Protein backbone atom coordinates (compact mmCIF):
# COMPACT_ATOMS: atom_id res chain seq x y z
CA TRP A 1 -0.79 33.11 32.54
CA ALA A 2 -2.59 29.81 32.24
CA ARG A 3 -4.85 30.57 35.19
CA LEU A 4 -5.68 34.02 33.84
CA ASN A 5 -6.42 32.59 30.39
CA ASN A 6 -8.76 29.99 31.89
CA LYS A 7 -10.66 32.72 33.76
CA MET A 8 -10.93 34.81 30.62
CA ARG A 9 -12.07 31.81 28.59
CA GLU A 10 -14.79 30.98 31.11
CA ALA A 11 -15.92 34.62 31.22
CA ALA A 12 -16.19 34.70 27.41
CA LYS A 13 -18.29 31.53 27.42
CA LYS A 14 -20.76 33.13 29.85
CA THR A 15 -20.93 36.46 28.02
CA CYS A 16 -23.99 37.11 25.91
CA VAL A 17 -22.55 38.51 22.71
CA PRO A 18 -24.50 41.55 21.46
CA MET A 19 -26.05 41.55 18.01
CA THR A 20 -23.25 41.86 15.48
CA ARG A 21 -22.89 41.41 11.75
CA PHE A 22 -20.83 38.25 11.40
CA ARG A 23 -21.15 36.94 7.86
CA VAL A 24 -19.74 33.51 7.03
CA ASP A 25 -18.86 33.90 3.36
CA SER A 26 -15.47 32.24 3.08
CA VAL A 27 -13.73 29.09 4.25
CA ARG A 28 -11.58 31.18 6.61
CA LYS A 29 -14.68 32.62 8.28
CA HIS A 30 -16.28 29.17 8.45
CA ASN A 31 -13.21 27.94 10.33
CA ALA A 32 -13.46 30.98 12.64
CA MET A 33 -17.13 30.18 13.24
CA THR A 34 -16.17 26.62 14.18
CA ALA A 35 -13.72 27.94 16.79
CA MET A 36 -16.31 30.41 18.05
CA THR A 37 -18.75 27.61 18.91
CA THR A 38 -16.63 26.81 21.96
CA ALA A 39 -15.18 30.26 22.64
CA LEU A 40 -18.44 32.24 22.26
CA PRO A 41 -21.38 29.83 22.48
CA ASN A 42 -23.81 32.70 23.24
CA LEU A 43 -23.41 34.41 19.86
CA GLN A 44 -26.86 35.57 18.78
CA GLN A 45 -26.64 36.25 15.05
CA ILE A 46 -24.76 34.78 12.07
CA GLN A 47 -25.32 35.35 8.39
CA ILE A 48 -24.48 32.38 6.17
CA GLY A 49 -23.26 33.08 2.66
CA TYR A 50 -21.51 31.57 -0.34
CA LEU A 51 -18.20 29.89 0.59
CA GLY A 52 -16.70 29.92 -2.86
CA ARG A 53 -16.38 27.67 -5.87
CA LYS A 54 -16.44 23.92 -5.17
CA HIS A 55 -17.47 24.39 -1.50
CA ARG A 56 -20.88 23.61 -0.04
CA TYR A 57 -22.74 23.30 3.23
CA SER A 58 -24.21 19.94 4.15
CA ASP A 59 -26.29 18.47 6.94
CA GLY A 60 -25.28 14.96 5.93
CA GLU A 61 -28.15 14.32 3.55
CA ASP A 62 -28.63 15.08 -0.13
CA ARG A 63 -32.23 14.57 -1.16
CA ASP A 64 -31.69 15.64 -4.76
CA GLU A 65 -29.65 12.90 -6.43
CA ARG A 66 -28.69 15.03 -9.44
CA ARG A 67 -27.37 17.81 -7.24
CA ALA A 68 -25.55 15.27 -5.08
CA ALA A 69 -23.86 13.78 -8.14
CA TYR A 70 -22.96 17.25 -9.46
CA SER A 71 -21.33 18.35 -6.18
CA ALA A 72 -19.93 14.97 -5.08
CA ASN A 73 -16.30 16.13 -5.31
CA TRP A 74 -16.86 19.49 -3.65
CA ILE A 75 -15.47 20.26 -0.20
CA THR A 76 -18.29 19.87 2.32
CA HIS A 77 -18.72 22.02 5.43
CA ASP A 78 -21.00 20.94 8.27
CA ILE A 79 -23.97 23.29 8.62
CA GLU A 80 -25.14 21.58 11.81
CA ILE A 81 -22.28 23.26 13.66
CA LEU A 82 -24.69 26.18 14.05
CA SER A 83 -26.62 24.17 16.64
CA ARG A 84 -23.70 24.63 19.04
CA PHE A 85 -24.59 28.30 19.47
CA ARG A 86 -27.06 28.34 22.35
CA LYS A 87 -28.72 31.71 21.77
CA LEU A 88 -28.76 31.88 17.99
CA ARG A 89 -31.82 33.61 16.56
CA ILE A 90 -33.48 32.58 13.35
C-alpha cells in the first residue's frame, strides 16, 4: 500500500488541476487549502472569502495601527500560503 500511495501522491503533484470553484470561506476550508498546497500544488484557481467572526488573514504586517489594535486578539491565518500554488491565476 505504501508504494502505491507514494505513486498516487506523486501523480497528484504533477497533475494540472482544471479550473474549479474552490472557495475558502471557513476555517475548515482554510485548513484544507493548507493541505492542498503539498497535495495539489498545481491548483489554478481559489476564491478567498470571509473566515468568520474573530478570524483574519495576514501577511505578517499591519500597516493600519487602529485596525491592528482592533483585531489584535483575532485568530490569524497566513495568506502567503497561496504562494505555494505554482499555477495560481490572479
